[in-house]
Amino acid sequence: MAATMKEGVLQAFEIIKEEEIAAPIDIVFETILEQMGPLNSTPEKPMPMVLEAWPGGRWYRDLGNNTGHFWGTVQAIKTPSLLEISGPLFMSNPAVSNLQYRLTKENGVTRMRFVHRAIGWVGEQERGVEAGWNQLIGRIRTAAAEKAGT
């Protein structure tokens, strides 16, 4: 069997977003868990996920009958200020991501710092990543503000 060596296929990207959300930090954290878990969706359709909110917990899409997609493992969680996940996320390639939500209280609002860093054989998947996170962050902002009544 012949081996194929490829040069220059290793890629990396970093997405950093800072958001102010008009809701208390506890509500924002709860909303992140909901929007990444059972209320997750794409613009086209619902895409419910399971997020086990404890260190070592899994984040995955359960398709039933022992089928699905593993997205990552909870690397760190400090309710209500930090959620960090490590894993392949949506990439079916030899790649790994680190995803962080850091929340702080600031002047009556919650400041959310979102970071997604990835390295590996990323390929074409990088192109829609930022739009996908923007959509999720928008859902978090809207749902948290509605829960807070603002």
N, C-alpha and C. Protein backbone atom coordinates (compact mmCIF):
# COMPACT_ATOMS: atom_id res chain seq x y z
N MET A 1 0.85 -1.17 0.00
CA MET A 1 0.00 0.00 0.00
C MET A 1 0.89 1.24 0.00
N ALA A 2 0.60 2.16 -0.88
CA ALA A 2 1.39 3.39 -1.00
C ALA A 2 0.82 4.45 -0.07
N ALA A 3 1.69 5.23 0.50
CA ALA A 3 1.28 6.35 1.35
C ALA A 3 1.36 7.64 0.56
N THR A 4 0.44 8.54 0.81
CA THR A 4 0.45 9.84 0.16
C THR A 4 0.77 10.90 1.19
N MET A 5 1.76 11.70 0.91
CA MET A 5 2.13 12.81 1.80
C MET A 5 1.61 14.10 1.19
N LYS A 6 0.92 14.90 1.98
CA LYS A 6 0.43 16.19 1.50
C LYS A 6 1.10 17.29 2.29
N GLU A 7 1.51 18.30 1.61
CA GLU A 7 2.15 19.46 2.22
C GLU A 7 1.11 20.58 2.37
N GLY A 8 1.20 21.34 3.42
CA GLY A 8 0.40 22.54 3.57
C GLY A 8 -1.08 22.34 3.79
N VAL A 9 -1.51 21.20 4.31
CA VAL A 9 -2.94 21.01 4.54
C VAL A 9 -3.36 21.43 5.95
N LEU A 10 -2.41 21.66 6.81
CA LEU A 10 -2.73 22.07 8.18
C LEU A 10 -3.15 23.54 8.17
N GLN A 11 -4.32 23.81 8.76
CA GLN A 11 -4.85 25.17 8.77
C GLN A 11 -5.32 25.51 10.18
N ALA A 12 -5.49 26.78 10.42
CA ALA A 12 -6.01 27.23 11.71
C ALA A 12 -6.89 28.45 11.47
N PHE A 13 -7.85 28.65 12.38
CA PHE A 13 -8.61 29.89 12.35
C PHE A 13 -9.00 30.28 13.76
N GLU A 14 -9.34 31.55 13.91
CA GLU A 14 -9.76 32.09 15.20
C GLU A 14 -10.89 33.08 14.95
N ILE A 15 -11.97 32.90 15.69
CA ILE A 15 -13.11 33.83 15.63
C ILE A 15 -13.31 34.35 17.05
N ILE A 16 -13.33 35.66 17.20
CA ILE A 16 -13.54 36.28 18.51
C ILE A 16 -14.68 37.28 18.37
N LYS A 17 -15.66 37.17 19.25
CA LYS A 17 -16.81 38.07 19.24
C LYS A 17 -17.03 38.59 20.66
N GLU A 18 -17.28 39.87 20.78
CA GLU A 18 -17.64 40.49 22.06
C GLU A 18 -19.06 41.01 21.91
N GLU A 19 -19.93 40.63 22.83
CA GLU A 19 -21.34 41.01 22.75
C GLU A 19 -21.80 41.54 24.10
N GLU A 20 -22.67 42.54 24.08
CA GLU A 20 -23.39 42.98 25.27
C GLU A 20 -24.80 42.45 25.15
N ILE A 21 -25.27 41.80 26.21
CA ILE A 21 -26.61 41.23 26.20
C ILE A 21 -27.40 41.84 27.36
N ALA A 22 -28.57 42.36 27.05
CA ALA A 22 -29.40 43.04 28.03
C ALA A 22 -30.17 42.03 28.87
N ALA A 23 -29.43 41.29 29.70
CA ALA A 23 -30.04 40.29 30.58
C ALA A 23 -29.03 39.95 31.68
N PRO A 24 -29.51 39.51 32.84
CA PRO A 24 -28.60 39.10 33.91
C PRO A 24 -27.73 37.91 33.50
N ILE A 25 -26.57 37.81 34.08
CA ILE A 25 -25.59 36.79 33.73
C ILE A 25 -26.15 35.37 33.87
N ASP A 26 -26.95 35.10 34.92
CA ASP A 26 -27.52 33.76 35.10
C ASP A 26 -28.44 33.38 33.93
N ILE A 27 -29.23 34.34 33.48
CA ILE A 27 -30.15 34.08 32.37
C ILE A 27 -29.37 33.86 31.07
N VAL A 28 -28.32 34.64 30.85
CA VAL A 28 -27.52 34.48 29.63
C VAL A 28 -26.87 33.10 29.62
N PHE A 29 -26.31 32.67 30.75
CA PHE A 29 -25.65 31.36 30.81
C PHE A 29 -26.67 30.24 30.53
N GLU A 30 -27.81 30.32 31.17
CA GLU A 30 -28.88 29.33 30.96
C GLU A 30 -29.30 29.30 29.49
N THR A 31 -29.38 30.46 28.87
CA THR A 31 -29.78 30.56 27.47
C THR A 31 -28.73 29.96 26.55
N ILE A 32 -27.45 30.15 26.86
CA ILE A 32 -26.38 29.53 26.06
C ILE A 32 -26.56 28.01 26.07
N LEU A 33 -26.77 27.45 27.26
CA LEU A 33 -26.95 25.99 27.36
C LEU A 33 -28.16 25.52 26.56
N GLU A 34 -29.26 26.28 26.60
CA GLU A 34 -30.46 25.90 25.85
C GLU A 34 -30.25 26.00 24.34
N GLN A 35 -29.63 27.12 23.91
CA GLN A 35 -29.47 27.36 22.48
C GLN A 35 -28.41 26.45 21.86
N MET A 36 -27.45 25.99 22.64
CA MET A 36 -26.47 25.02 22.13
C MET A 36 -27.01 23.60 22.26
N GLY A 37 -28.00 23.42 23.10
CA GLY A 37 -28.56 22.10 23.36
C GLY A 37 -29.89 21.90 22.67
N PRO A 38 -30.98 21.72 23.45
CA PRO A 38 -32.26 21.32 22.86
C PRO A 38 -32.88 22.34 21.92
N LEU A 39 -32.54 23.62 22.03
CA LEU A 39 -33.13 24.64 21.16
C LEU A 39 -32.22 24.99 19.98
N ASN A 40 -31.14 24.26 19.80
CA ASN A 40 -30.22 24.54 18.70
C ASN A 40 -30.94 24.41 17.36
N SER A 41 -30.55 25.26 16.41
CA SER A 41 -31.16 25.19 15.08
C SER A 41 -30.22 25.80 14.06
N THR A 42 -30.53 25.55 12.81
CA THR A 42 -29.89 26.23 11.70
C THR A 42 -30.94 27.17 11.12
N PRO A 43 -30.57 28.06 10.21
CA PRO A 43 -31.61 28.89 9.60
C PRO A 43 -32.67 28.07 8.87
N GLU A 44 -32.32 26.86 8.44
CA GLU A 44 -33.25 26.04 7.68
C GLU A 44 -34.15 25.15 8.54
N LYS A 45 -33.63 24.68 9.71
CA LYS A 45 -34.40 23.69 10.46
C LYS A 45 -33.89 23.56 11.90
N PRO A 46 -34.70 23.00 12.78
CA PRO A 46 -34.21 22.69 14.14
C PRO A 46 -33.09 21.65 14.06
N MET A 47 -32.12 21.78 14.95
CA MET A 47 -31.03 20.81 15.04
C MET A 47 -30.72 20.59 16.52
N PRO A 48 -31.66 19.98 17.26
CA PRO A 48 -31.45 19.82 18.69
C PRO A 48 -30.19 19.01 19.00
N MET A 49 -29.50 19.44 20.04
CA MET A 49 -28.27 18.79 20.49
C MET A 49 -28.43 18.43 21.96
N VAL A 50 -27.52 17.62 22.45
CA VAL A 50 -27.44 17.31 23.88
C VAL A 50 -26.16 17.93 24.39
N LEU A 51 -26.28 18.73 25.45
CA LEU A 51 -25.11 19.33 26.09
C LEU A 51 -25.14 18.94 27.56
N GLU A 52 -24.25 18.06 27.95
CA GLU A 52 -24.15 17.63 29.34
C GLU A 52 -23.28 18.65 30.07
N ALA A 53 -23.92 19.50 30.86
CA ALA A 53 -23.26 20.68 31.43
C ALA A 53 -22.50 20.35 32.72
N TRP A 54 -21.43 19.56 32.58
CA TRP A 54 -20.51 19.26 33.67
C TRP A 54 -19.15 18.93 33.05
N PRO A 55 -18.05 19.05 33.82
CA PRO A 55 -16.73 18.74 33.28
C PRO A 55 -16.70 17.32 32.73
N GLY A 56 -16.25 17.17 31.50
CA GLY A 56 -16.23 15.87 30.84
C GLY A 56 -17.52 15.52 30.14
N GLY A 57 -18.54 16.37 30.29
CA GLY A 57 -19.82 16.13 29.62
C GLY A 57 -19.68 16.23 28.11
N ARG A 58 -20.56 15.53 27.42
CA ARG A 58 -20.51 15.52 25.96
C ARG A 58 -21.44 16.57 25.36
N TRP A 59 -21.07 17.02 24.18
CA TRP A 59 -21.94 17.86 23.36
C TRP A 59 -22.09 17.11 22.04
N TYR A 60 -23.32 16.66 21.76
CA TYR A 60 -23.51 15.82 20.59
C TYR A 60 -24.92 15.94 20.04
N ARG A 61 -25.07 15.47 18.81
CA ARG A 61 -26.37 15.42 18.17
C ARG A 61 -26.84 13.98 18.21
N ASP A 62 -27.96 13.75 18.87
CA ASP A 62 -28.52 12.42 19.02
C ASP A 62 -29.57 12.20 17.93
N LEU A 63 -29.30 11.28 17.02
CA LEU A 63 -30.24 10.99 15.94
C LEU A 63 -31.10 9.76 16.22
N GLY A 64 -30.96 9.21 17.44
CA GLY A 64 -31.73 8.03 17.80
C GLY A 64 -31.09 6.74 17.33
N ASN A 65 -31.52 5.63 17.91
CA ASN A 65 -31.01 4.30 17.54
C ASN A 65 -29.49 4.22 17.59
N ASN A 66 -28.89 4.85 18.60
CA ASN A 66 -27.43 4.85 18.77
C ASN A 66 -26.68 5.43 17.58
N THR A 67 -27.26 6.45 16.94
CA THR A 67 -26.59 7.16 15.85
C THR A 67 -26.52 8.63 16.21
N GLY A 68 -25.60 9.34 15.60
CA GLY A 68 -25.48 10.77 15.86
C GLY A 68 -24.10 11.29 15.50
N HIS A 69 -23.80 12.48 16.01
CA HIS A 69 -22.54 13.16 15.73
C HIS A 69 -21.97 13.71 17.03
N PHE A 70 -20.74 13.35 17.37
CA PHE A 70 -20.06 13.90 18.54
C PHE A 70 -19.42 15.22 18.15
N TRP A 71 -19.70 16.28 18.92
CA TRP A 71 -19.14 17.59 18.63
C TRP A 71 -18.02 17.96 19.59
N GLY A 72 -18.11 17.57 20.87
CA GLY A 72 -17.06 17.97 21.79
C GLY A 72 -17.31 17.53 23.22
N THR A 73 -16.36 17.88 24.06
CA THR A 73 -16.39 17.56 25.49
C THR A 73 -16.29 18.86 26.27
N VAL A 74 -17.07 18.96 27.35
CA VAL A 74 -16.97 20.14 28.21
C VAL A 74 -15.62 20.08 28.91
N GLN A 75 -14.76 21.01 28.57
CA GLN A 75 -13.42 21.07 29.13
C GLN A 75 -13.43 21.81 30.46
N ALA A 76 -14.23 22.87 30.52
CA ALA A 76 -14.35 23.64 31.76
C ALA A 76 -15.74 24.26 31.81
N ILE A 77 -16.29 24.31 33.02
CA ILE A 77 -17.58 24.97 33.22
C ILE A 77 -17.57 25.59 34.60
N LYS A 78 -17.91 26.86 34.67
CA LYS A 78 -18.02 27.59 35.94
C LYS A 78 -19.28 28.43 35.84
N THR A 79 -20.37 27.85 36.28
CA THR A 79 -21.66 28.53 36.20
C THR A 79 -21.64 29.78 37.07
N PRO A 80 -22.00 30.94 36.60
CA PRO A 80 -22.53 31.31 35.30
C PRO A 80 -21.52 32.07 34.43
N SER A 81 -20.23 31.84 34.60
CA SER A 81 -19.28 32.71 33.91
C SER A 81 -18.46 32.06 32.80
N LEU A 82 -18.41 30.73 32.71
CA LEU A 82 -17.54 30.10 31.73
C LEU A 82 -18.10 28.78 31.23
N LEU A 83 -18.06 28.61 29.92
CA LEU A 83 -18.31 27.31 29.29
C LEU A 83 -17.23 27.15 28.23
N GLU A 84 -16.48 26.06 28.33
CA GLU A 84 -15.41 25.78 27.38
C GLU A 84 -15.56 24.36 26.87
N ILE A 85 -15.55 24.21 25.56
CA ILE A 85 -15.73 22.91 24.92
C ILE A 85 -14.57 22.65 23.98
N SER A 86 -14.09 21.42 23.97
CA SER A 86 -13.00 21.02 23.11
C SER A 86 -13.45 19.82 22.29
N GLY A 87 -13.14 19.82 20.99
CA GLY A 87 -13.50 18.68 20.15
C GLY A 87 -13.53 19.05 18.69
N PRO A 88 -14.00 18.13 17.84
CA PRO A 88 -14.02 18.39 16.40
C PRO A 88 -15.14 19.33 15.97
N LEU A 89 -16.16 19.52 16.81
CA LEU A 89 -17.36 20.27 16.49
C LEU A 89 -17.98 19.71 15.20
N PHE A 90 -18.20 20.54 14.21
CA PHE A 90 -18.89 20.14 12.99
C PHE A 90 -17.95 19.51 11.96
N MET A 91 -16.65 19.45 12.24
CA MET A 91 -15.67 19.00 11.25
C MET A 91 -15.49 17.48 11.28
N SER A 92 -15.65 16.86 10.13
CA SER A 92 -15.42 15.43 9.99
C SER A 92 -14.03 15.22 9.39
N ASN A 93 -13.09 15.92 9.91
CA ASN A 93 -11.71 15.88 9.44
C ASN A 93 -10.80 15.73 10.65
N PRO A 94 -9.51 15.44 10.44
CA PRO A 94 -8.59 15.45 11.56
C PRO A 94 -8.34 16.90 11.99
N ALA A 95 -9.20 17.38 12.88
CA ALA A 95 -9.12 18.76 13.36
C ALA A 95 -9.66 18.81 14.78
N VAL A 96 -9.27 19.83 15.51
CA VAL A 96 -9.76 20.02 16.87
C VAL A 96 -10.07 21.50 17.08
N SER A 97 -11.09 21.75 17.86
CA SER A 97 -11.52 23.12 18.17
C SER A 97 -11.53 23.34 19.67
N ASN A 98 -11.40 24.59 20.05
CA ASN A 98 -11.63 25.03 21.42
C ASN A 98 -12.64 26.15 21.32
N LEU A 99 -13.73 26.02 22.06
CA LEU A 99 -14.84 26.97 22.04
C LEU A 99 -15.00 27.52 23.44
N GLN A 100 -15.07 28.85 23.58
CA GLN A 100 -15.19 29.46 24.91
C GLN A 100 -16.28 30.52 24.92
N TYR A 101 -17.11 30.45 25.95
CA TYR A 101 -18.04 31.52 26.29
C TYR A 101 -17.61 32.04 27.65
N ARG A 102 -17.21 33.30 27.75
CA ARG A 102 -16.85 33.92 29.03
C ARG A 102 -17.82 35.07 29.28
N LEU A 103 -18.48 35.02 30.43
CA LEU A 103 -19.49 36.03 30.76
C LEU A 103 -19.05 36.84 31.96
N THR A 104 -19.30 38.15 31.91
CA THR A 104 -19.05 39.04 33.04
C THR A 104 -20.22 40.01 33.17
N LYS A 105 -20.49 40.42 34.42
CA LYS A 105 -21.50 41.45 34.68
C LYS A 105 -20.83 42.80 34.47
N GLU A 106 -21.53 43.70 33.78
CA GLU A 106 -20.94 45.01 33.52
C GLU A 106 -22.04 46.05 33.31
N ASN A 107 -22.17 46.98 34.24
CA ASN A 107 -23.12 48.10 34.12
C ASN A 107 -24.55 47.65 33.79
N GLY A 108 -25.02 46.63 34.47
CA GLY A 108 -26.40 46.18 34.30
C GLY A 108 -26.65 45.29 33.11
N VAL A 109 -25.62 44.95 32.35
CA VAL A 109 -25.76 44.03 31.23
C VAL A 109 -24.73 42.90 31.41
N THR A 110 -24.83 41.91 30.57
CA THR A 110 -23.85 40.83 30.58
C THR A 110 -22.97 40.97 29.35
N ARG A 111 -21.68 40.98 29.57
CA ARG A 111 -20.73 40.99 28.47
C ARG A 111 -20.32 39.55 28.19
N MET A 112 -20.49 39.14 26.94
CA MET A 112 -20.12 37.79 26.53
C MET A 112 -18.95 37.88 25.57
N ARG A 113 -17.90 37.13 25.89
CA ARG A 113 -16.76 37.01 24.98
C ARG A 113 -16.77 35.59 24.45
N PHE A 114 -16.94 35.47 23.15
CA PHE A 114 -17.01 34.18 22.47
C PHE A 114 -15.73 34.00 21.67
N VAL A 115 -15.10 32.83 21.81
CA VAL A 115 -13.89 32.52 21.04
C VAL A 115 -14.01 31.10 20.49
N HIS A 116 -13.73 30.96 19.20
CA HIS A 116 -13.63 29.64 18.57
C HIS A 116 -12.29 29.59 17.86
N ARG A 117 -11.43 28.68 18.32
CA ARG A 117 -10.14 28.45 17.68
C ARG A 117 -10.10 27.01 17.19
N ALA A 118 -9.57 26.81 15.99
CA ALA A 118 -9.48 25.46 15.43
C ALA A 118 -8.17 25.29 14.69
N ILE A 119 -7.69 24.06 14.69
CA ILE A 119 -6.47 23.71 13.96
C ILE A 119 -6.63 22.30 13.42
N GLY A 120 -6.06 22.08 12.26
CA GLY A 120 -6.09 20.75 11.66
C GLY A 120 -6.38 20.85 10.19
N TRP A 121 -7.00 19.82 9.64
CA TRP A 121 -7.36 19.78 8.24
C TRP A 121 -8.76 20.39 8.13
N VAL A 122 -8.80 21.71 8.13
CA VAL A 122 -10.06 22.44 8.20
C VAL A 122 -10.79 22.43 6.86
N GLY A 123 -10.09 22.58 5.77
CA GLY A 123 -10.71 22.55 4.44
C GLY A 123 -11.68 23.68 4.21
N GLU A 124 -12.70 23.42 3.44
CA GLU A 124 -13.69 24.43 3.05
C GLU A 124 -14.66 24.78 4.17
N GLN A 125 -14.68 24.02 5.24
CA GLN A 125 -15.67 24.21 6.29
C GLN A 125 -15.54 25.56 6.99
N GLU A 126 -14.37 26.17 6.92
CA GLU A 126 -14.15 27.46 7.60
C GLU A 126 -15.06 28.56 7.06
N ARG A 127 -15.44 28.46 5.80
CA ARG A 127 -16.15 29.56 5.14
C ARG A 127 -17.46 29.95 5.80
N GLY A 128 -18.26 28.99 6.27
CA GLY A 128 -19.55 29.32 6.85
C GLY A 128 -19.55 29.39 8.37
N VAL A 129 -18.39 29.21 8.97
CA VAL A 129 -18.32 29.12 10.43
C VAL A 129 -18.75 30.42 11.10
N GLU A 130 -18.23 31.54 10.66
CA GLU A 130 -18.55 32.80 11.31
C GLU A 130 -20.03 33.13 11.19
N ALA A 131 -20.62 32.88 10.03
CA ALA A 131 -22.06 33.13 9.85
C ALA A 131 -22.88 32.24 10.79
N GLY A 132 -22.46 31.00 10.96
CA GLY A 132 -23.16 30.09 11.88
C GLY A 132 -23.11 30.57 13.32
N TRP A 133 -21.93 31.00 13.76
CA TRP A 133 -21.81 31.51 15.14
C TRP A 133 -22.59 32.81 15.31
N ASN A 134 -22.58 33.67 14.29
CA ASN A 134 -23.36 34.91 14.37
C ASN A 134 -24.85 34.60 14.56
N GLN A 135 -25.33 33.59 13.87
CA GLN A 135 -26.73 33.21 13.99
C GLN A 135 -27.04 32.70 15.40
N LEU A 136 -26.16 31.84 15.93
CA LEU A 136 -26.34 31.31 17.29
C LEU A 136 -26.27 32.42 18.33
N ILE A 137 -25.30 33.30 18.22
CA ILE A 137 -25.15 34.40 19.17
C ILE A 137 -26.37 35.32 19.11
N GLY A 138 -26.89 35.56 17.92
CA GLY A 138 -28.11 36.35 17.80
C GLY A 138 -29.30 35.70 18.50
N ARG A 139 -29.42 34.38 18.38
CA ARG A 139 -30.50 33.67 19.10
C ARG A 139 -30.31 33.77 20.60
N ILE A 140 -29.07 33.66 21.08
CA ILE A 140 -28.79 33.78 22.52
C ILE A 140 -29.18 35.17 23.00
N ARG A 141 -28.76 36.21 22.29
CA ARG A 141 -29.05 37.59 22.68
C ARG A 141 -30.56 37.83 22.75
N THR A 142 -31.29 37.40 21.72
CA THR A 142 -32.74 37.62 21.66
C THR A 142 -33.46 36.85 22.75
N ALA A 143 -33.14 35.56 22.90
CA ALA A 143 -33.84 34.73 23.90
C ALA A 143 -33.54 35.18 25.32
N ALA A 144 -32.31 35.56 25.61
CA ALA A 144 -31.96 36.01 26.97
C ALA A 144 -32.68 37.31 27.29
N ALA A 145 -32.72 38.23 26.35
CA ALA A 145 -33.40 39.51 26.57
C ALA A 145 -34.91 39.29 26.77
N GLU A 146 -35.50 38.37 26.02
CA GLU A 146 -36.93 38.06 26.21
C GLU A 146 -37.19 37.47 27.59
N LYS A 147 -36.33 36.56 28.02
CA LYS A 147 -36.49 35.96 29.37
C LYS A 147 -36.37 37.01 30.46
N ALA A 148 -35.47 37.98 30.26
CA ALA A 148 -35.24 39.03 31.24
C ALA A 148 -36.30 40.11 31.18
N GLY A 149 -37.14 40.07 30.13
CA GLY A 149 -38.20 41.06 29.99
C GLY A 149 -37.69 42.42 29.55
N THR A 150 -36.56 42.42 28.84
CA THR A 150 -36.02 43.72 28.35
C THR A 150 -36.22 43.89 26.88
